[in-house]
Amino acid sequence: MVYQTINAPPVTKQINVTALTPRLGKRLLGVDVLVGLGLTGRQAKVYLATLKLGSCKAQEIMDLSLVHRQEIYPLINSLQALGLIRKHLTRPMTFTATPITEAADQLLKQKTSQLNSLTQQTRQLARKLQNTSYPPPAVTPCFGTLFGADRGKKFLQAIGDTQGSIEVVSSWVRFRQLCFHCENELKAVLKRGVRVRVAVEKPSCPNYPKWISDYSAFELREMLSVPAVALTIFDGALVAVAFEPTARLAVGPDLWSRHVGVVAVCCGYFDRLWAALK
């Protein structure tokens, strides 16, 4: 019996374009910038893909930009209307992108024009609302107001307005932030003779700001642990309370109150604590 050897056709490795395109898509740098200049995310991807490919077909743009097949031509048309993509009447049709410097300059001018228009509209609205009379707000009992992330503006203003005294109960972290964010304001009130008393958590590595020793009106006493709450009392009339004593000073939230009962409780707590630390 004679056996005939049949050579099998060579096995060719199929490239999975779908598997490759996510990796290709990650190379499209600049999407966030173009979105900031007014494009949608898909428009930015299509433009950058076309820019990267040079003269290309719609299928190639789709593969690199990762947009769906049914979206590719509407996106190309929208970018053509913006002057960012050019069509070439070849067979099949090909596309090229406007150079990035020209495209960015064009988008930036459009964005600037929109912002200028919005600025004018906002000013007009503010003038109209300012001249509009509104019913007075209903007066209801209020123990205070919660303020969130204001970058410490409330503390800066309150310290600057203080005339007589500032009392502070604080964690070490929060006290360091107070000295850093409000250094100029604290120095200014200390020069005016405002009394500043601070009860602070004893740090493991004492590193107090050097300037606090320059003012006799600045007194500091240390606690052995983090206080249950952090509070700051201004002139015995305004109090800021942080129920998370290690929360960042510039972020909050803090309860600000002029309520007589709230202020009295906070002043009593500080006085007892200050006397105990003596």
C-alpha atoms as a PDB file:
ATOM      1  CA  MET A   1       0.000   0.000   0.000  1.00  0.00           C
ATOM      2  CA  VAL A   2       1.360   3.398  -0.955  1.00  0.00           C
ATOM      3  CA  TYR A   3       0.749   6.355   1.308  1.00  0.00           C
ATOM      4  CA  GLN A   4       0.750   9.832  -0.150  1.00  0.00           C
ATOM      5  CA  THR A   5       1.866  12.661   2.064  1.00  0.00           C
ATOM      6  CA  ILE A   6      -0.401  15.654   1.819  1.00  0.00           C
ATOM      7  CA  ASN A   7       1.168  18.928   2.888  1.00  0.00           C
ATOM      8  CA  ALA A   8      -1.266  20.881   5.040  1.00  0.00           C
ATOM      9  CA  PRO A   9      -1.604  24.604   4.262  1.00  0.00           C
ATOM     10  CA  PRO A  10       0.455  26.814   6.574  1.00  0.00           C
ATOM     11  CA  VAL A  11      -1.383  28.072   9.627  1.00  0.00           C
ATOM     12  CA  THR A  12      -1.695  31.839   9.531  1.00  0.00           C
ATOM     13  CA  LYS A  13      -2.134  33.739  12.732  1.00  0.00           C
ATOM     14  CA  GLN A  14      -5.236  35.903  12.638  1.00  0.00           C
ATOM     15  CA  ILE A  15      -4.804  39.347  14.125  1.00  0.00           C
ATOM     16  CA  ASN A  16      -7.731  40.358  16.263  1.00  0.00           C
ATOM     17  CA  VAL A  17      -8.214  44.009  15.383  1.00  0.00           C
ATOM     18  CA  THR A  18     -10.849  44.400  18.075  1.00  0.00           C
ATOM     19  CA  ALA A  19      -8.368  43.251  20.702  1.00  0.00           C
ATOM     20  CA  LEU A  20      -5.705  45.639  19.424  1.00  0.00           C
ATOM     21  CA  THR A  21      -7.805  48.777  19.200  1.00  0.00           C
ATOM     22  CA  PRO A  22      -8.106  49.398  22.947  1.00  0.00           C
ATOM     23  CA  ARG A  23      -4.307  49.552  23.107  1.00  0.00           C
ATOM     24  CA  LEU A  24      -4.243  51.829  20.098  1.00  0.00           C
ATOM     25  CA  GLY A  25      -6.867  54.046  21.630  1.00  0.00           C
ATOM     26  CA  LYS A  26      -4.703  54.682  24.677  1.00  0.00           C
ATOM     27  CA  ARG A  27      -2.087  56.322  22.458  1.00  0.00           C
ATOM     28  CA  LEU A  28      -4.431  59.146  21.523  1.00  0.00           C
ATOM     29  CA  LEU A  29      -3.004  61.840  23.765  1.00  0.00           C
ATOM     30  CA  GLY A  30      -4.715  65.199  24.038  1.00  0.00           C
ATOM     31  CA  VAL A  31      -8.358  64.136  24.242  1.00  0.00           C
ATOM     32  CA  ASP A  32      -8.939  66.042  27.512  1.00  0.00           C
ATOM     33  CA  VAL A  33      -7.420  69.234  26.081  1.00  0.00           C
ATOM     34  CA  LEU A  34      -9.614  69.146  22.991  1.00  0.00           C
ATOM     35  CA  VAL A  35     -12.693  68.439  25.103  1.00  0.00           C
ATOM     36  CA  GLY A  36     -11.797  71.492  27.175  1.00  0.00           C
ATOM     37  CA  LEU A  37     -11.672  73.497  23.952  1.00  0.00           C
ATOM     38  CA  GLY A  38     -15.225  72.497  23.055  1.00  0.00           C
ATOM     39  CA  LEU A  39     -15.139  69.134  21.267  1.00  0.00           C
ATOM     40  CA  THR A  40     -17.001  66.092  22.515  1.00  0.00           C
ATOM     41  CA  GLY A  41     -14.941  63.125  23.630  1.00  0.00           C
ATOM     42  CA  ARG A  42     -15.735  61.164  20.442  1.00  0.00           C
ATOM     43  CA  GLN A  43     -14.997  64.149  18.215  1.00  0.00           C
ATOM     44  CA  ALA A  44     -11.614  64.562  19.907  1.00  0.00           C
ATOM     45  CA  LYS A  45     -10.776  60.879  19.399  1.00  0.00           C
ATOM     46  CA  VAL A  46     -11.757  60.928  15.736  1.00  0.00           C
ATOM     47  CA  TYR A  47      -9.742  64.075  15.067  1.00  0.00           C
ATOM     48  CA  LEU A  48      -6.642  62.758  16.868  1.00  0.00           C
ATOM     49  CA  ALA A  49      -6.927  59.394  15.120  1.00  0.00           C
ATOM     50  CA  THR A  50      -7.100  61.117  11.730  1.00  0.00           C
ATOM     51  CA  LEU A  51      -4.169  63.341  12.678  1.00  0.00           C
ATOM     52  CA  LYS A  52      -2.136  60.290  13.681  1.00  0.00           C
ATOM     53  CA  LEU A  53      -2.981  58.282  10.554  1.00  0.00           C
ATOM     54  CA  GLY A  54      -2.433  60.998   7.960  1.00  0.00           C
ATOM     55  CA  SER A  55      -4.398  60.303   4.764  1.00  0.00           C
ATOM     56  CA  CYS A  56      -6.738  57.497   5.790  1.00  0.00           C
ATOM     57  CA  LYS A  57     -10.030  55.727   5.285  1.00  0.00           C
ATOM     58  CA  ALA A  58     -13.063  55.830   7.538  1.00  0.00           C
ATOM     59  CA  GLN A  59     -12.473  52.221   8.650  1.00  0.00           C
ATOM     60  CA  GLU A  60      -8.950  53.078   9.827  1.00  0.00           C
ATOM     61  CA  ILE A  61     -10.215  56.077  11.775  1.00  0.00           C
ATOM     62  CA  MET A  62     -12.894  53.915  13.370  1.00  0.00           C
ATOM     63  CA  ASP A  63     -10.400  51.236  14.415  1.00  0.00           C
ATOM     64  CA  LEU A  64      -8.013  53.704  16.034  1.00  0.00           C
ATOM     65  CA  SER A  65     -10.559  56.027  17.640  1.00  0.00           C
ATOM     66  CA  LEU A  66     -12.729  53.166  18.996  1.00  0.00           C
ATOM     67  CA  VAL A  67     -16.001  54.793  17.917  1.00  0.00           C
ATOM     68  CA  HIS A  68     -18.918  52.718  16.659  1.00  0.00           C
ATOM     69  CA  ARG A  69     -19.393  52.138  12.946  1.00  0.00           C
ATOM     70  CA  GLN A  70     -22.706  53.998  12.823  1.00  0.00           C
ATOM     71  CA  GLU A  71     -21.123  57.067  14.440  1.00  0.00           C
ATOM     72  CA  ILE A  72     -18.003  57.486  12.342  1.00  0.00           C
ATOM     73  CA  TYR A  73     -19.456  59.404   9.385  1.00  0.00           C
ATOM     74  CA  PRO A  74     -21.625  61.793  11.465  1.00  0.00           C
ATOM     75  CA  LEU A  75     -18.554  62.569  13.584  1.00  0.00           C
ATOM     76  CA  ILE A  76     -16.376  63.121  10.525  1.00  0.00           C
ATOM     77  CA  ASN A  77     -19.050  65.421   9.057  1.00  0.00           C
ATOM     78  CA  SER A  78     -19.271  67.430  12.281  1.00  0.00           C
ATOM     79  CA  LEU A  79     -15.489  67.849  12.363  1.00  0.00           C
ATOM     80  CA  GLN A  80     -15.500  68.849   8.700  1.00  0.00           C
ATOM     81  CA  ALA A  81     -18.079  71.536   9.527  1.00  0.00           C
ATOM     82  CA  LEU A  82     -15.700  72.817  12.222  1.00  0.00           C
ATOM     83  CA  GLY A  83     -12.848  72.868   9.740  1.00  0.00           C
ATOM     84  CA  LEU A  84     -10.867  70.163  11.537  1.00  0.00           C
ATOM     85  CA  ILE A  85     -11.106  67.347   8.953  1.00  0.00           C
ATOM     86  CA  ARG A  86     -10.901  67.471   5.174  1.00  0.00           C
ATOM     87  CA  LYS A  87     -12.512  65.008   2.771  1.00  0.00           C
ATOM     88  CA  HIS A  88     -10.710  63.919  -0.373  1.00  0.00           C
ATOM     89  CA  LEU A  89     -12.813  62.638  -3.270  1.00  0.00           C
ATOM     90  CA  THR A  90     -10.751  59.543  -3.896  1.00  0.00           C
ATOM     91  CA  ARG A  91     -11.982  56.011  -4.365  1.00  0.00           C
ATOM     92  CA  PRO A  92     -12.486  54.972  -1.634  1.00  0.00           C
ATOM     93  CA  MET A  93     -12.903  58.358   0.056  1.00  0.00           C
ATOM     94  CA  THR A  94     -10.001  59.423   2.284  1.00  0.00           C
ATOM     95  CA  PHE A  95      -9.638  61.997   5.042  1.00  0.00           C
ATOM     96  CA  THR A  96      -6.900  64.178   6.511  1.00  0.00           C
ATOM     97  CA  ALA A  97      -6.843  66.289   9.668  1.00  0.00           C
ATOM     98  CA  THR A  98      -6.158  70.008   9.871  1.00  0.00           C
ATOM     99  CA  PRO A  99      -2.676  70.536  11.415  1.00  0.00           C
ATOM    100  CA  ILE A 100      -2.864  70.575  15.209  1.00  0.00           C
ATOM    101  CA  THR A 101      -1.528  74.127  15.628  1.00  0.00           C
ATOM    102  CA  GLU A 102      -4.140  75.495  13.237  1.00  0.00           C
ATOM    103  CA  ALA A 103      -6.915  73.405  14.779  1.00  0.00           C
ATOM    104  CA  ALA A 104      -6.006  74.329  18.368  1.00  0.00           C
ATOM    105  CA  ASP A 105      -5.828  78.029  17.509  1.00  0.00           C
ATOM    106  CA  GLN A 106      -9.227  77.865  15.833  1.00  0.00           C
ATOM    107  CA  LEU A 107     -10.859  76.048  18.763  1.00  0.00           C
ATOM    108  CA  LEU A 108      -9.258  78.412  21.263  1.00  0.00           C
ATOM    109  CA  LYS A 109     -10.637  81.451  19.444  1.00  0.00           C
ATOM    110  CA  GLN A 110     -14.114  79.901  19.430  1.00  0.00           C
ATOM    111  CA  LYS A 111     -13.873  79.088  23.142  1.00  0.00           C
ATOM    112  CA  THR A 112     -12.672  82.605  23.967  1.00  0.00           C
ATOM    113  CA  SER A 113     -15.545  84.103  21.997  1.00  0.00           C
ATOM    114  CA  GLN A 114     -18.035  81.891  23.860  1.00  0.00           C
ATOM    115  CA  LEU A 115     -16.559  82.846  27.242  1.00  0.00           C
ATOM    116  CA  ASN A 116     -16.666  86.557  26.396  1.00  0.00           C
ATOM    117  CA  SER A 117     -20.298  86.220  25.383  1.00  0.00           C
ATOM    118  CA  LEU A 118     -21.103  84.275  28.545  1.00  0.00           C
ATOM    119  CA  THR A 119     -19.329  86.910  30.664  1.00  0.00           C
ATOM    120  CA  GLN A 120     -21.489  89.662  29.172  1.00  0.00           C
ATOM    121  CA  GLN A 121     -24.671  87.640  29.689  1.00  0.00           C
ATOM    122  CA  THR A 122     -23.700  86.919  33.304  1.00  0.00           C
ATOM    123  CA  ARG A 123     -23.089  90.608  34.036  1.00  0.00           C
ATOM    124  CA  GLN A 124     -26.412  91.556  32.469  1.00  0.00           C
ATOM    125  CA  LEU A 125     -28.182  88.904  34.539  1.00  0.00           C
ATOM    126  CA  ALA A 126     -26.472  90.084  37.729  1.00  0.00           C
ATOM    127  CA  ARG A 127     -27.564  93.690  37.075  1.00  0.00           C
ATOM    128  CA  LYS A 128     -31.144  92.616  36.421  1.00  0.00           C
ATOM    129  CA  LEU A 129     -31.331  90.445  39.543  1.00  0.00           C
ATOM    130  CA  GLN A 130     -29.673  93.112  41.667  1.00  0.00           C
ATOM    131  CA  ASN A 131     -32.411  95.573  40.785  1.00  0.00           C
ATOM    132  CA  THR A 132     -35.157  93.030  41.425  1.00  0.00           C
ATOM    133  CA  SER A 133     -36.916  93.107  44.767  1.00  0.00           C
ATOM    134  CA  TYR A 134     -37.380  89.782  46.534  1.00  0.00           C
ATOM    135  CA  PRO A 135     -39.464  88.954  49.602  1.00  0.00           C
ATOM    136  CA  PRO A 136     -37.381  88.929  52.788  1.00  0.00           C
ATOM    137  CA  PRO A 137     -36.351  85.459  53.954  1.00  0.00           C
ATOM    138  CA  ALA A 138     -38.397  83.954  56.732  1.00  0.00           C
ATOM    139  CA  VAL A 139     -36.724  84.400  60.107  1.00  0.00           C
ATOM    140  CA  THR A 140     -36.334  81.004  61.761  1.00  0.00           C
ATOM    141  CA  PRO A 141     -34.240  79.964  64.779  1.00  0.00           C
ATOM    142  CA  CYS A 142     -30.741  79.007  63.581  1.00  0.00           C
ATOM    143  CA  PHE A 143     -27.985  77.433  65.621  1.00  0.00           C
ATOM    144  CA  GLY A 144     -25.397  78.018  62.912  1.00  0.00           C
ATOM    145  CA  THR A 145     -24.374  77.409  59.335  1.00  0.00           C
ATOM    146  CA  LEU A 146     -22.228  74.637  57.887  1.00  0.00           C
ATOM    147  CA  PHE A 147     -19.478  75.756  55.529  1.00  0.00           C
ATOM    148  CA  GLY A 148     -17.515  73.344  53.387  1.00  0.00           C
ATOM    149  CA  ALA A 149     -14.475  73.756  51.163  1.00  0.00           C
ATOM    150  CA  ASP A 150     -13.787  77.504  51.041  1.00  0.00           C
ATOM    151  CA  ARG A 151      -9.962  77.325  51.290  1.00  0.00           C
ATOM    152  CA  GLY A 152     -10.040  78.822  54.752  1.00  0.00           C
ATOM    153  CA  LYS A 153     -11.652  82.108  53.676  1.00  0.00           C
ATOM    154  CA  LYS A 154     -14.003  82.154  56.672  1.00  0.00           C
ATOM    155  CA  PHE A 155     -11.081  81.746  59.079  1.00  0.00           C
ATOM    156  CA  LEU A 156      -9.062  84.471  57.372  1.00  0.00           C
ATOM    157  CA  GLN A 157     -11.978  86.897  57.561  1.00  0.00           C
ATOM    158  CA  ALA A 158     -12.890  86.025  61.148  1.00  0.00           C
ATOM    159  CA  ILE A 159      -9.304  86.396  62.369  1.00  0.00           C
ATOM    160  CA  GLY A 160      -8.958  89.741  60.598  1.00  0.00           C
ATOM    161  CA  ASP A 161     -12.200  91.019  62.197  1.00  0.00           C
ATOM    162  CA  THR A 162     -11.247  89.948  65.733  1.00  0.00           C
ATOM    163  CA  GLN A 163     -10.762  92.794  68.226  1.00  0.00           C
ATOM    164  CA  GLY A 164     -10.108  91.178  71.586  1.00  0.00           C
ATOM    165  CA  SER A 165      -9.454  87.439  71.788  1.00  0.00           C
ATOM    166  CA  ILE A 166      -9.155  84.153  69.915  1.00  0.00           C
ATOM    167  CA  GLU A 167      -9.419  80.820  71.730  1.00  0.00           C
ATOM    168  CA  VAL A 168      -8.523  77.577  69.963  1.00  0.00           C
ATOM    169  CA  VAL A 169      -8.859  73.867  70.765  1.00  0.00           C
ATOM    170  CA  SER A 170      -7.130  71.846  68.090  1.00  0.00           C
ATOM    171  CA  SER A 171      -5.367  68.712  66.989  1.00  0.00           C
ATOM    172  CA  TRP A 172      -1.712  69.128  66.099  1.00  0.00           C
ATOM    173  CA  VAL A 173      -2.382  68.679  62.369  1.00  0.00           C
ATOM    174  CA  ARG A 174      -5.121  71.293  62.309  1.00  0.00           C
ATOM    175  CA  PHE A 175      -3.069  73.751  64.388  1.00  0.00           C
ATOM    176  CA  ARG A 176      -0.169  73.500  61.926  1.00  0.00           C
ATOM    177  CA  GLN A 177      -2.569  74.221  59.082  1.00  0.00           C
ATOM    178  CA  LEU A 178      -3.970  77.221  60.978  1.00  0.00           C
ATOM    179  CA  CYS A 179      -0.473  78.661  61.440  1.00  0.00           C
ATOM    180  CA  PHE A 180       0.384  78.057  57.796  1.00  0.00           C
ATOM    181  CA  HIS A 181      -2.800  79.326  56.121  1.00  0.00           C
ATOM    182  CA  CYS A 182      -3.444  82.230  58.500  1.00  0.00           C
ATOM    183  CA  GLU A 183       0.080  83.273  59.504  1.00  0.00           C
ATOM    184  CA  ASN A 184      -0.160  86.848  58.201  1.00  0.00           C
ATOM    185  CA  GLU A 185      -3.604  87.407  59.702  1.00  0.00           C
ATOM    186  CA  LEU A 186      -2.550  86.002  63.102  1.00  0.00           C
ATOM    187  CA  LYS A 187       0.576  88.168  63.176  1.00  0.00           C
ATOM    188  CA  ALA A 188      -1.526  91.222  62.321  1.00  0.00           C
ATOM    189  CA  VAL A 189      -4.018  90.717  65.176  1.00  0.00           C
ATOM    190  CA  LEU A 190      -1.232  89.869  67.626  1.00  0.00           C
ATOM    191  CA  LYS A 191       0.448  93.169  66.776  1.00  0.00           C
ATOM    192  CA  ARG A 192      -2.843  94.877  67.590  1.00  0.00           C
ATOM    193  CA  GLY A 193      -2.824  93.256  71.023  1.00  0.00           C
ATOM    194  CA  VAL A 194      -5.425  90.554  70.394  1.00  0.00           C
ATOM    195  CA  ARG A 195      -4.987  87.718  72.909  1.00  0.00           C
ATOM    196  CA  VAL A 196      -4.586  84.286  71.324  1.00  0.00           C
ATOM    197  CA  ARG A 197      -4.832  81.178  73.504  1.00  0.00           C
ATOM    198  CA  VAL A 198      -4.358  77.717  72.003  1.00  0.00           C
ATOM    199  CA  ALA A 199      -4.954  74.293  73.580  1.00  0.00           C
ATOM    200  CA  VAL A 200      -3.313  71.835  71.220  1.00  0.00           C
ATOM    201  CA  GLU A 201      -2.579  68.121  71.051  1.00  0.00           C
ATOM    202  CA  LYS A 202       1.017  67.507  72.099  1.00  0.00           C
ATOM    203  CA  PRO A 203       2.996  66.573  68.962  1.00  0.00           C
ATOM    204  CA  SER A 204       5.333  63.592  68.890  1.00  0.00           C
ATOM    205  CA  CYS A 205       8.007  65.799  67.311  1.00  0.00           C
ATOM    206  CA  PRO A 206       7.486  69.406  68.444  1.00  0.00           C
ATOM    207  CA  ASN A 207       8.045  71.760  65.548  1.00  0.00           C
ATOM    208  CA  TYR A 208       6.165  74.918  66.424  1.00  0.00           C
ATOM    209  CA  PRO A 209       6.356  77.935  64.112  1.00  0.00           C
ATOM    210  CA  LYS A 210       9.177  80.184  65.303  1.00  0.00           C
ATOM    211  CA  TRP A 211       7.145  83.366  65.028  1.00  0.00           C
ATOM    212  CA  ILE A 212       4.689  82.465  67.814  1.00  0.00           C
ATOM    213  CA  SER A 213       7.386  83.082  70.448  1.00  0.00           C
ATOM    214  CA  ASP A 214       7.705  86.697  69.250  1.00  0.00           C
ATOM    215  CA  TYR A 215       4.349  87.711  70.719  1.00  0.00           C
ATOM    216  CA  SER A 216       3.595  87.816  74.433  1.00  0.00           C
ATOM    217  CA  ALA A 217      -0.144  87.758  73.663  1.00  0.00           C
ATOM    218  CA  PHE A 218       0.200  84.246  72.238  1.00  0.00           C
ATOM    219  CA  GLU A 219      -0.260  81.486  74.850  1.00  0.00           C
ATOM    220  CA  LEU A 220      -0.122  77.753  74.182  1.00  0.00           C
ATOM    221  CA  ARG A 221      -0.881  74.732  76.354  1.00  0.00           C
ATOM    222  CA  GLU A 222      -0.551  71.094  75.320  1.00  0.00           C
ATOM    223  CA  MET A 223      -3.008  68.191  75.660  1.00  0.00           C
ATOM    224  CA  LEU A 224      -1.948  64.561  75.773  1.00  0.00           C
ATOM    225  CA  SER A 225      -4.426  63.409  73.131  1.00  0.00           C
ATOM    226  CA  VAL A 226      -6.510  64.578  70.189  1.00  0.00           C
ATOM    227  CA  PRO A 227      -9.531  66.607  71.393  1.00  0.00           C
ATOM    228  CA  ALA A 228     -13.032  65.323  70.775  1.00  0.00           C
ATOM    229  CA  VAL A 229     -13.798  68.400  68.667  1.00  0.00           C
ATOM    230  CA  ALA A 230     -11.783  71.286  67.290  1.00  0.00           C
ATOM    231  CA  LEU A 231     -13.152  74.749  67.922  1.00  0.00           C
ATOM    232  CA  THR A 232     -12.158  78.373  67.477  1.00  0.00           C
ATOM    233  CA  ILE A 233     -13.831  81.210  69.376  1.00  0.00           C
ATOM    234  CA  PHE A 234     -13.591  84.802  68.130  1.00  0.00           C
ATOM    235  CA  ASP A 235     -14.203  87.633  70.629  1.00  0.00           C
ATOM    236  CA  GLY A 236     -16.436  85.319  72.654  1.00  0.00           C
ATOM    237  CA  ALA A 237     -19.183  85.939  70.092  1.00  0.00           C
ATOM    238  CA  LEU A 238     -18.478  83.742  67.059  1.00  0.00           C
ATOM    239  CA  VAL A 239     -17.472  80.089  67.109  1.00  0.00           C
ATOM    240  CA  ALA A 240     -16.297  77.607  64.470  1.00  0.00           C
ATOM    241  CA  VAL A 241     -16.654  73.934  65.389  1.00  0.00           C
ATOM    242  CA  ALA A 242     -15.146  70.985  63.488  1.00  0.00           C
ATOM    243  CA  PHE A 243     -16.624  67.701  64.701  1.00  0.00           C
ATOM    244  CA  GLU A 244     -13.747  65.874  62.985  1.00  0.00           C
ATOM    245  CA  PRO A 245     -10.769  67.443  64.820  1.00  0.00           C
ATOM    246  CA  THR A 246      -8.187  66.278  62.281  1.00  0.00           C
ATOM    247  CA  ALA A 247     -10.151  67.500  59.230  1.00  0.00           C
ATOM    248  CA  ARG A 248      -8.287  69.899  56.970  1.00  0.00           C
ATOM    249  CA  LEU A 249      -8.817  73.515  57.931  1.00  0.00           C
ATOM    250  CA  ALA A 250      -9.327  74.647  54.318  1.00  0.00           C
ATOM    251  CA  VAL A 251     -11.895  71.950  53.522  1.00  0.00           C
ATOM    252  CA  GLY A 252     -14.311  71.664  56.449  1.00  0.00           C
ATOM    253  CA  PRO A 253     -17.132  71.166  57.033  1.00  0.00           C
ATOM    254  CA  ASP A 254     -17.263  73.511  60.038  1.00  0.00           C
ATOM    255  CA  LEU A 255     -20.240  74.775  61.987  1.00  0.00           C
ATOM    256  CA  TRP A 256     -20.112  78.554  62.326  1.00  0.00           C
ATOM    257  CA  SER A 257     -22.456  80.028  64.900  1.00  0.00           C
ATOM    258  CA  ARG A 258     -23.275  83.249  66.738  1.00  0.00           C
ATOM    259  CA  HIS A 259     -26.072  81.605  68.680  1.00  0.00           C
ATOM    260  CA  VAL A 260     -25.752  82.680  72.296  1.00  0.00           C
ATOM    261  CA  GLY A 261     -26.270  79.168  73.622  1.00  0.00           C
ATOM    262  CA  VAL A 262     -23.754  77.536  71.275  1.00  0.00           C
ATOM    263  CA  VAL A 263     -21.122  80.195  71.958  1.00  0.00           C
ATOM    264  CA  ALA A 264     -21.665  79.928  75.726  1.00  0.00           C
ATOM    265  CA  VAL A 265     -21.204  76.143  75.685  1.00  0.00           C
ATOM    266  CA  CYS A 266     -18.007  76.426  73.644  1.00  0.00           C
ATOM    267  CA  CYS A 267     -16.587  79.187  75.849  1.00  0.00           C
ATOM    268  CA  GLY A 268     -17.345  77.159  78.982  1.00  0.00           C
ATOM    269  CA  TYR A 269     -15.676  74.081  77.479  1.00  0.00           C
ATOM    270  CA  PHE A 270     -12.563  76.069  76.581  1.00  0.00           C
ATOM    271  CA  ASP A 271     -12.300  77.721  79.987  1.00  0.00           C
ATOM    272  CA  ARG A 272     -12.501  74.388  81.824  1.00  0.00           C
ATOM    273  CA  LEU A 273      -9.995  72.774  79.488  1.00  0.00           C
ATOM    274  CA  TRP A 274      -7.585  75.712  79.725  1.00  0.00           C
ATOM    275  CA  ALA A 275      -7.700  75.639  83.514  1.00  0.00           C
ATOM    276  CA  ALA A 276      -7.129  71.866  83.580  1.00  0.00           C
ATOM    277  CA  LEU A 277      -4.067  72.180  81.364  1.00  0.00           C
ATOM    278  CA  LYS A 278      -2.432  74.778  83.607  1.00  0.00           C
END
